Amino acid sequence: MVAFQDLDPLDLHKLLQESVDDLVLVDVRTPAEVARGTIPGAQPIPLHLLPVSAGSLDKAHPVVFYCQSGARSLQACMYLQQQGHDKLYNLRGGIMAWARNGLPIAPADKQAP
């Protein structure tokens, strides 16, 4: 049973504009990749640190993972599904698809705390 689903970049953008307060956006790329820019409002948790950081993600809140192309964020979804999370989303195509759709990318120093 799949407890997560893919999100299209335009659908994610719409959700973020609607200010879905409990939506958590997580960037699982490396710090070097994050330094090139992020989706506004994302919190960075590199994929290799997810096992030690997973406890900070509330199971009651939907979590959207993204990476460069969608492969690592898919792994993040599968891992958290095994940990009992059921409101998980993978940004299909990652930040590359986000950028191809002309959606905003914030400098790394402008991301939410």
N, C-alpha and C. Protein backbone atom coordinates (compact mmCIF):
# COMPACT_ATOMS: atom_id res chain seq x y z
N MET A 1 0.84 -1.20 0.00
CA MET A 1 0.00 0.00 0.00
C MET A 1 0.87 1.24 0.00
N VAL A 2 0.60 2.16 -0.88
CA VAL A 2 1.37 3.40 -0.97
C VAL A 2 0.69 4.46 -0.12
N ALA A 3 1.44 4.99 0.84
CA ALA A 3 0.88 6.01 1.73
C ALA A 3 1.34 7.40 1.33
N PHE A 4 1.92 7.51 0.16
CA PHE A 4 2.35 8.83 -0.31
C PHE A 4 1.96 8.96 -1.77
N GLN A 5 1.98 10.18 -2.24
CA GLN A 5 1.65 10.39 -3.65
C GLN A 5 2.53 11.48 -4.23
N ASP A 6 2.64 11.49 -5.54
CA ASP A 6 3.40 12.52 -6.23
C ASP A 6 2.57 13.78 -6.33
N LEU A 7 3.26 14.90 -6.25
CA LEU A 7 2.63 16.21 -6.45
C LEU A 7 3.29 16.86 -7.65
N ASP A 8 2.51 17.41 -8.51
CA ASP A 8 2.98 18.21 -9.63
C ASP A 8 3.47 19.55 -9.09
N PRO A 9 4.53 20.16 -9.68
CA PRO A 9 5.01 21.46 -9.18
C PRO A 9 3.91 22.53 -9.11
N LEU A 10 3.02 22.57 -10.10
CA LEU A 10 1.97 23.59 -10.07
C LEU A 10 0.97 23.34 -8.93
N ASP A 11 0.69 22.06 -8.64
CA ASP A 11 -0.19 21.74 -7.53
C ASP A 11 0.44 22.14 -6.20
N LEU A 12 1.75 21.88 -6.05
CA LEU A 12 2.44 22.28 -4.82
C LEU A 12 2.43 23.80 -4.69
N HIS A 13 2.70 24.49 -5.76
CA HIS A 13 2.70 25.96 -5.72
C HIS A 13 1.34 26.48 -5.25
N LYS A 14 0.28 25.88 -5.76
CA LYS A 14 -1.07 26.29 -5.36
C LYS A 14 -1.28 26.04 -3.86
N LEU A 15 -0.86 24.87 -3.38
CA LEU A 15 -0.99 24.57 -1.95
C LEU A 15 -0.23 25.58 -1.10
N LEU A 16 0.98 25.92 -1.53
CA LEU A 16 1.79 26.87 -0.76
C LEU A 16 1.16 28.27 -0.78
N GLN A 17 0.55 28.65 -1.89
CA GLN A 17 -0.11 29.95 -1.97
C GLN A 17 -1.36 30.00 -1.12
N GLU A 18 -2.00 28.85 -0.93
CA GLU A 18 -3.20 28.80 -0.10
C GLU A 18 -2.85 28.82 1.38
N SER A 19 -1.57 28.92 1.68
CA SER A 19 -1.09 28.98 3.07
C SER A 19 -1.63 27.82 3.90
N VAL A 20 -1.43 26.63 3.41
CA VAL A 20 -1.81 25.45 4.18
C VAL A 20 -0.86 25.41 5.38
N ASP A 21 -1.37 25.88 6.53
CA ASP A 21 -0.53 26.10 7.71
C ASP A 21 0.20 24.86 8.19
N ASP A 22 -0.42 23.71 8.07
CA ASP A 22 0.22 22.53 8.63
C ASP A 22 1.11 21.78 7.64
N LEU A 23 1.21 22.29 6.41
CA LEU A 23 2.04 21.66 5.39
C LEU A 23 3.52 21.91 5.69
N VAL A 24 4.31 20.85 5.69
CA VAL A 24 5.75 20.95 5.94
C VAL A 24 6.46 20.61 4.64
N LEU A 25 7.33 21.51 4.19
CA LEU A 25 8.08 21.34 2.96
C LEU A 25 9.53 21.06 3.33
N VAL A 26 10.05 19.91 2.89
CA VAL A 26 11.40 19.48 3.28
C VAL A 26 12.26 19.26 2.04
N ASP A 27 13.43 19.90 2.04
CA ASP A 27 14.42 19.76 0.98
C ASP A 27 15.45 18.73 1.43
N VAL A 28 15.52 17.59 0.75
CA VAL A 28 16.42 16.52 1.17
C VAL A 28 17.74 16.52 0.38
N ARG A 29 18.03 17.62 -0.31
CA ARG A 29 19.28 17.70 -1.06
C ARG A 29 20.46 17.96 -0.11
N THR A 30 21.66 17.88 -0.65
CA THR A 30 22.87 18.14 0.13
C THR A 30 22.98 19.64 0.42
N PRO A 31 23.75 20.02 1.45
CA PRO A 31 23.94 21.44 1.73
C PRO A 31 24.48 22.23 0.53
N ALA A 32 25.35 21.62 -0.27
CA ALA A 32 25.88 22.30 -1.46
C ALA A 32 24.77 22.57 -2.47
N GLU A 33 23.86 21.62 -2.63
CA GLU A 33 22.74 21.82 -3.56
C GLU A 33 21.78 22.89 -3.00
N VAL A 34 21.50 22.82 -1.72
CA VAL A 34 20.60 23.80 -1.09
C VAL A 34 21.17 25.22 -1.23
N ALA A 35 22.49 25.34 -1.18
CA ALA A 35 23.14 26.66 -1.29
C ALA A 35 22.84 27.34 -2.63
N ARG A 36 22.47 26.55 -3.64
CA ARG A 36 22.15 27.12 -4.97
C ARG A 36 20.74 27.70 -5.03
N GLY A 37 19.94 27.46 -3.99
CA GLY A 37 18.58 27.99 -3.95
C GLY A 37 17.59 26.93 -3.54
N THR A 38 16.47 27.39 -2.96
CA THR A 38 15.46 26.49 -2.45
C THR A 38 14.07 26.96 -2.85
N ILE A 39 13.11 26.09 -2.65
CA ILE A 39 11.72 26.50 -2.78
C ILE A 39 11.40 27.29 -1.52
N PRO A 40 10.84 28.49 -1.66
CA PRO A 40 10.56 29.31 -0.48
C PRO A 40 9.75 28.56 0.58
N GLY A 41 10.22 28.65 1.83
CA GLY A 41 9.54 28.03 2.94
C GLY A 41 10.02 26.63 3.28
N ALA A 42 10.95 26.09 2.50
CA ALA A 42 11.43 24.73 2.74
C ALA A 42 12.43 24.70 3.89
N GLN A 43 12.39 23.59 4.62
CA GLN A 43 13.42 23.35 5.63
C GLN A 43 14.36 22.28 5.11
N PRO A 44 15.67 22.49 5.24
CA PRO A 44 16.61 21.49 4.73
C PRO A 44 16.85 20.37 5.73
N ILE A 45 16.66 19.15 5.26
CA ILE A 45 17.06 17.94 6.01
C ILE A 45 17.69 17.02 4.97
N PRO A 46 19.03 17.02 4.87
CA PRO A 46 19.66 16.13 3.89
C PRO A 46 19.20 14.69 4.08
N LEU A 47 19.01 13.98 2.99
CA LEU A 47 18.48 12.63 3.03
C LEU A 47 19.24 11.74 4.01
N HIS A 48 20.56 11.86 4.05
CA HIS A 48 21.34 10.98 4.93
C HIS A 48 21.11 11.29 6.42
N LEU A 49 20.54 12.46 6.73
CA LEU A 49 20.23 12.81 8.12
C LEU A 49 18.77 12.56 8.48
N LEU A 50 17.97 12.13 7.53
CA LEU A 50 16.55 11.92 7.79
C LEU A 50 16.29 10.93 8.93
N PRO A 51 17.03 9.82 9.03
CA PRO A 51 16.76 8.91 10.14
C PRO A 51 16.90 9.55 11.53
N VAL A 52 17.83 10.49 11.67
CA VAL A 52 18.01 11.14 12.98
C VAL A 52 17.12 12.37 13.13
N SER A 53 16.55 12.85 12.04
CA SER A 53 15.70 14.04 12.08
C SER A 53 14.21 13.73 11.96
N ALA A 54 13.87 12.50 11.64
CA ALA A 54 12.48 12.14 11.38
C ALA A 54 11.57 12.44 12.55
N GLY A 55 12.08 12.35 13.76
CA GLY A 55 11.27 12.62 14.94
C GLY A 55 10.77 14.04 15.03
N SER A 56 11.43 14.96 14.32
CA SER A 56 11.01 16.36 14.34
C SER A 56 9.83 16.62 13.40
N LEU A 57 9.45 15.63 12.60
CA LEU A 57 8.34 15.77 11.66
C LEU A 57 7.09 15.16 12.26
N ASP A 58 6.12 15.99 12.56
CA ASP A 58 4.87 15.57 13.20
C ASP A 58 4.05 14.72 12.24
N LYS A 59 3.65 13.54 12.69
CA LYS A 59 2.87 12.63 11.84
C LYS A 59 1.50 13.19 11.50
N ALA A 60 1.02 14.17 12.26
CA ALA A 60 -0.30 14.75 12.01
C ALA A 60 -0.28 15.75 10.85
N HIS A 61 0.93 16.20 10.45
CA HIS A 61 1.04 17.21 9.40
C HIS A 61 1.47 16.59 8.08
N PRO A 62 0.90 17.04 6.98
CA PRO A 62 1.37 16.56 5.68
C PRO A 62 2.78 17.05 5.41
N VAL A 63 3.62 16.18 4.87
CA VAL A 63 5.01 16.52 4.56
C VAL A 63 5.24 16.33 3.07
N VAL A 64 5.80 17.36 2.45
CA VAL A 64 6.17 17.30 1.03
C VAL A 64 7.69 17.29 0.96
N PHE A 65 8.25 16.26 0.35
CA PHE A 65 9.69 16.16 0.17
C PHE A 65 10.04 16.53 -1.26
N TYR A 66 11.20 17.18 -1.41
CA TYR A 66 11.72 17.39 -2.76
C TYR A 66 13.24 17.31 -2.73
N CYS A 67 13.79 17.02 -3.89
CA CYS A 67 15.24 16.97 -4.08
C CYS A 67 15.53 17.60 -5.44
N GLN A 68 16.60 17.19 -6.08
CA GLN A 68 16.95 17.75 -7.38
C GLN A 68 16.00 17.26 -8.48
N SER A 69 15.75 15.93 -8.51
CA SER A 69 14.96 15.37 -9.60
C SER A 69 13.77 14.52 -9.17
N GLY A 70 13.66 14.24 -7.88
CA GLY A 70 12.54 13.45 -7.39
C GLY A 70 12.90 12.06 -6.89
N ALA A 71 14.13 11.61 -7.12
CA ALA A 71 14.53 10.26 -6.70
C ALA A 71 14.79 10.17 -5.20
N ARG A 72 15.58 11.10 -4.66
CA ARG A 72 15.88 11.06 -3.23
C ARG A 72 14.65 11.37 -2.39
N SER A 73 13.81 12.28 -2.89
CA SER A 73 12.60 12.60 -2.13
C SER A 73 11.64 11.40 -2.12
N LEU A 74 11.66 10.60 -3.16
CA LEU A 74 10.88 9.36 -3.18
C LEU A 74 11.39 8.41 -2.09
N GLN A 75 12.71 8.33 -1.95
CA GLN A 75 13.30 7.50 -0.88
C GLN A 75 12.88 8.03 0.49
N ALA A 76 12.84 9.35 0.65
CA ALA A 76 12.43 9.95 1.92
C ALA A 76 10.98 9.57 2.23
N CYS A 77 10.12 9.62 1.24
CA CYS A 77 8.72 9.22 1.43
C CYS A 77 8.62 7.77 1.85
N MET A 78 9.36 6.90 1.18
CA MET A 78 9.31 5.48 1.51
C MET A 78 9.82 5.23 2.93
N TYR A 79 10.87 5.94 3.33
CA TYR A 79 11.41 5.77 4.68
C TYR A 79 10.39 6.22 5.73
N LEU A 80 9.81 7.40 5.56
CA LEU A 80 8.86 7.88 6.56
C LEU A 80 7.58 7.06 6.57
N GLN A 81 7.21 6.51 5.43
CA GLN A 81 6.06 5.61 5.40
C GLN A 81 6.32 4.43 6.33
N GLN A 82 7.54 3.89 6.29
CA GLN A 82 7.91 2.78 7.17
C GLN A 82 7.90 3.19 8.64
N GLN A 83 8.05 4.49 8.90
CA GLN A 83 8.06 4.99 10.27
C GLN A 83 6.66 5.35 10.76
N GLY A 84 5.64 5.11 9.92
CA GLY A 84 4.26 5.32 10.35
C GLY A 84 3.62 6.61 9.88
N HIS A 85 4.30 7.39 9.06
CA HIS A 85 3.70 8.61 8.51
C HIS A 85 2.76 8.23 7.38
N ASP A 86 1.64 8.94 7.25
CA ASP A 86 0.71 8.61 6.17
C ASP A 86 0.26 9.81 5.36
N LYS A 87 0.82 10.98 5.63
CA LYS A 87 0.48 12.18 4.85
C LYS A 87 1.76 12.67 4.17
N LEU A 88 2.21 11.91 3.19
CA LEU A 88 3.49 12.17 2.55
C LEU A 88 3.31 12.45 1.07
N TYR A 89 4.11 13.38 0.57
CA TYR A 89 4.05 13.77 -0.83
C TYR A 89 5.46 13.92 -1.38
N ASN A 90 5.62 13.54 -2.63
CA ASN A 90 6.89 13.65 -3.34
C ASN A 90 6.70 14.65 -4.48
N LEU A 91 7.55 15.69 -4.52
CA LEU A 91 7.47 16.64 -5.63
C LEU A 91 8.04 15.97 -6.88
N ARG A 92 7.17 15.61 -7.79
CA ARG A 92 7.56 14.93 -9.03
C ARG A 92 8.50 15.81 -9.84
N GLY A 93 9.67 15.29 -10.14
CA GLY A 93 10.64 16.05 -10.94
C GLY A 93 11.53 16.96 -10.11
N GLY A 94 11.27 17.05 -8.82
CA GLY A 94 12.10 17.84 -7.92
C GLY A 94 12.15 19.32 -8.25
N ILE A 95 13.19 19.96 -7.73
CA ILE A 95 13.33 21.40 -7.92
C ILE A 95 13.60 21.73 -9.39
N MET A 96 14.12 20.76 -10.16
CA MET A 96 14.32 21.01 -11.59
C MET A 96 12.98 21.22 -12.28
N ALA A 97 11.99 20.39 -11.96
CA ALA A 97 10.65 20.56 -12.54
C ALA A 97 10.02 21.85 -12.04
N TRP A 98 10.23 22.17 -10.76
CA TRP A 98 9.73 23.43 -10.18
C TRP A 98 10.26 24.61 -10.99
N ALA A 99 11.57 24.62 -11.24
CA ALA A 99 12.20 25.72 -11.99
C ALA A 99 11.72 25.74 -13.44
N ARG A 100 11.57 24.56 -14.07
CA ARG A 100 11.09 24.50 -15.46
C ARG A 100 9.70 25.11 -15.60
N ASN A 101 8.93 25.09 -14.52
CA ASN A 101 7.59 25.68 -14.55
C ASN A 101 7.62 27.17 -14.22
N GLY A 102 8.81 27.73 -14.06
CA GLY A 102 8.95 29.16 -13.79
C GLY A 102 8.55 29.56 -12.39
N LEU A 103 8.56 28.62 -11.46
CA LEU A 103 8.15 28.90 -10.09
C LEU A 103 9.33 29.46 -9.30
N PRO A 104 9.04 30.19 -8.21
CA PRO A 104 10.10 30.93 -7.51
C PRO A 104 11.10 30.03 -6.78
N ILE A 105 12.36 30.44 -6.87
CA ILE A 105 13.43 29.80 -6.11
C ILE A 105 14.10 30.90 -5.29
N ALA A 106 14.19 30.66 -3.99
CA ALA A 106 14.76 31.63 -3.07
C ALA A 106 16.24 31.34 -2.84
N PRO A 107 17.04 32.38 -2.66
CA PRO A 107 18.42 32.14 -2.25
C PRO A 107 18.42 31.39 -0.92
N ALA A 108 19.42 30.57 -0.70
CA ALA A 108 19.47 29.74 0.50
C ALA A 108 19.36 30.57 1.78
N ASP A 109 19.89 31.77 1.78
CA ASP A 109 19.85 32.59 3.00
C ASP A 109 18.47 33.23 3.23
N LYS A 110 17.55 33.05 2.31
CA LYS A 110 16.21 33.63 2.44
C LYS A 110 15.16 32.61 2.84
N GLN A 111 15.57 31.39 3.18
CA GLN A 111 14.60 30.36 3.51
C GLN A 111 14.07 30.55 4.92
N ALA A 112 12.94 29.94 5.17
CA ALA A 112 12.31 30.03 6.49
C ALA A 112 13.17 29.33 7.52
N PRO A 113 13.15 29.79 8.78
CA PRO A 113 13.96 29.17 9.82
C PRO A 113 13.51 27.75 10.10
